[in-house]
């Protein structure tokens, strides 16, 4: 499954109302650690796509969502389960650390 681009217009439907756990990657195009994590995020989407939803939010385009969830540093990874944030981690992470949050 591919990584979904999330905007304020599809956030509610794709993240809050999802019947699967959702990984949301808050990132920016100028952020080198975000670029480093891009491949890992793609791998998680490919490996776990049947059981989870993987999404990206560009903080430069969607500042309101970044503020709403208190994103102070990027990359920030939030995990949503049943419409609520269940876990989070910030910065460059091992793939296993992120997949553990989704289980």
Protein backbone atom coordinates (compact mmCIF):
# COMPACT_ATOMS: atom_id res chain seq x y z
CA UNK A 1 0.00 0.00 0.00
CA UNK A 2 1.25 3.47 -0.79
CA UNK A 3 1.79 6.35 1.60
CA UNK A 4 -1.18 8.75 1.67
CA UNK A 5 -0.76 12.52 1.54
CA UNK A 6 -2.88 14.06 4.28
CA UNK A 7 -4.30 17.57 4.21
CA UNK A 8 -6.74 19.33 6.47
CA UNK A 9 -9.52 18.37 4.04
CA UNK A 10 -8.95 14.59 4.21
CA UNK A 11 -7.49 14.27 7.74
CA UNK A 12 -10.78 13.46 9.46
CA UNK A 13 -11.75 10.75 6.97
CA UNK A 14 -8.33 9.13 6.50
CA UNK A 15 -6.92 9.37 10.04
CA UNK A 16 -9.61 9.97 12.67
CA UNK A 17 -12.24 7.68 11.12
CA UNK A 18 -9.81 4.92 10.08
CA UNK A 19 -10.67 1.40 11.20
CA UNK A 20 -6.94 0.54 11.17
CA UNK A 21 -4.03 1.98 13.16
CA UNK A 22 -2.59 5.01 11.34
CA UNK A 23 1.04 6.13 11.26
CA UNK A 24 1.30 9.85 10.52
CA UNK A 25 4.69 11.25 9.53
CA UNK A 26 4.95 15.03 10.01
CA UNK A 27 7.74 16.17 7.68
CA UNK A 28 9.07 18.97 5.44
CA UNK A 29 10.94 18.92 2.13
CA UNK A 30 13.89 20.89 3.57
CA UNK A 31 14.33 18.54 6.56
CA UNK A 32 17.33 16.21 6.12
CA UNK A 33 16.27 13.76 8.90
CA UNK A 34 12.83 13.60 7.22
CA UNK A 35 14.51 12.68 3.93
CA UNK A 36 16.51 10.01 5.77
CA UNK A 37 13.27 8.50 7.11
CA UNK A 38 11.38 8.61 3.82
CA UNK A 39 12.53 5.17 2.67
CA UNK A 40 11.70 3.66 6.07
CA UNK A 41 8.19 5.11 5.94
CA UNK A 42 7.72 3.65 2.44
CA UNK A 43 8.94 0.24 3.66
CA UNK A 44 6.49 0.29 6.57
CA UNK A 45 3.65 1.10 4.14
CA UNK A 46 4.69 -1.78 1.87
CA UNK A 47 5.28 -4.27 4.70
CA UNK A 48 2.28 -3.46 6.89
CA UNK A 49 -0.13 -1.84 4.42
CA UNK A 50 -2.80 -4.51 4.84
CA UNK A 51 -3.05 -3.90 8.59
CA UNK A 52 -2.21 -0.20 8.98
CA UNK A 53 -2.51 3.08 7.12
CA UNK A 54 0.65 5.14 6.56
CA UNK A 55 0.31 8.88 5.96
CA UNK A 56 2.49 11.96 5.56
CA UNK A 57 1.68 15.54 6.48
CA UNK A 58 3.88 18.31 5.09
CA UNK A 59 4.10 20.83 7.93
CA UNK A 60 4.78 23.72 5.55
CA UNK A 61 1.52 23.06 3.70
CA UNK A 62 -0.54 21.99 6.74
CA UNK A 63 0.63 24.21 9.59
CA UNK A 64 -2.74 24.00 11.37
CA UNK A 65 -2.44 20.21 11.75
CA UNK A 66 1.13 20.52 13.03
CA UNK A 67 0.02 23.07 15.64
CA UNK A 68 -3.06 21.00 16.56
CA UNK A 69 -0.85 18.05 17.49
CA UNK A 70 1.97 20.02 19.09
CA UNK A 71 4.61 19.13 16.52
CA UNK A 72 7.74 21.02 17.60
CA UNK A 73 10.44 18.99 15.80
CA UNK A 74 10.41 16.91 12.66
CA UNK A 75 10.19 14.20 11.72
CA UNK A 76 7.45 13.48 14.27
CA UNK A 77 5.59 10.19 14.03
CA UNK A 78 2.15 9.91 15.61
CA UNK A 79 0.19 6.67 15.83
CA UNK A 80 -3.60 6.97 15.86
CA UNK A 81 -5.83 4.16 17.05
CA UNK A 82 -9.60 4.57 17.20
CA UNK A 83 -9.27 8.23 16.27
CA UNK A 84 -6.90 9.17 19.09
CA UNK A 85 -3.12 9.51 19.40
CA UNK A 86 -1.92 6.32 21.04
CA UNK A 87 1.84 6.82 20.70
CA UNK A 88 4.50 9.07 19.25
CA UNK A 89 8.19 9.33 18.57
CA UNK A 90 10.39 12.14 17.25
CA UNK A 91 13.51 12.11 15.11
CA UNK A 92 15.33 9.47 13.11
CA UNK A 93 14.18 6.02 14.26
CA UNK A 94 14.91 2.41 13.47
CA UNK A 95 12.14 0.82 11.44
CA UNK A 96 11.48 -1.69 14.25
CA UNK A 97 10.89 1.12 16.76
CA UNK A 98 8.13 2.57 14.60
CA UNK A 99 6.51 -0.76 13.75
CA UNK A 100 6.32 -1.65 17.46
CA UNK A 101 4.20 1.47 18.02
CA UNK A 102 1.70 0.22 15.44
CA UNK A 103 1.07 -3.14 17.09
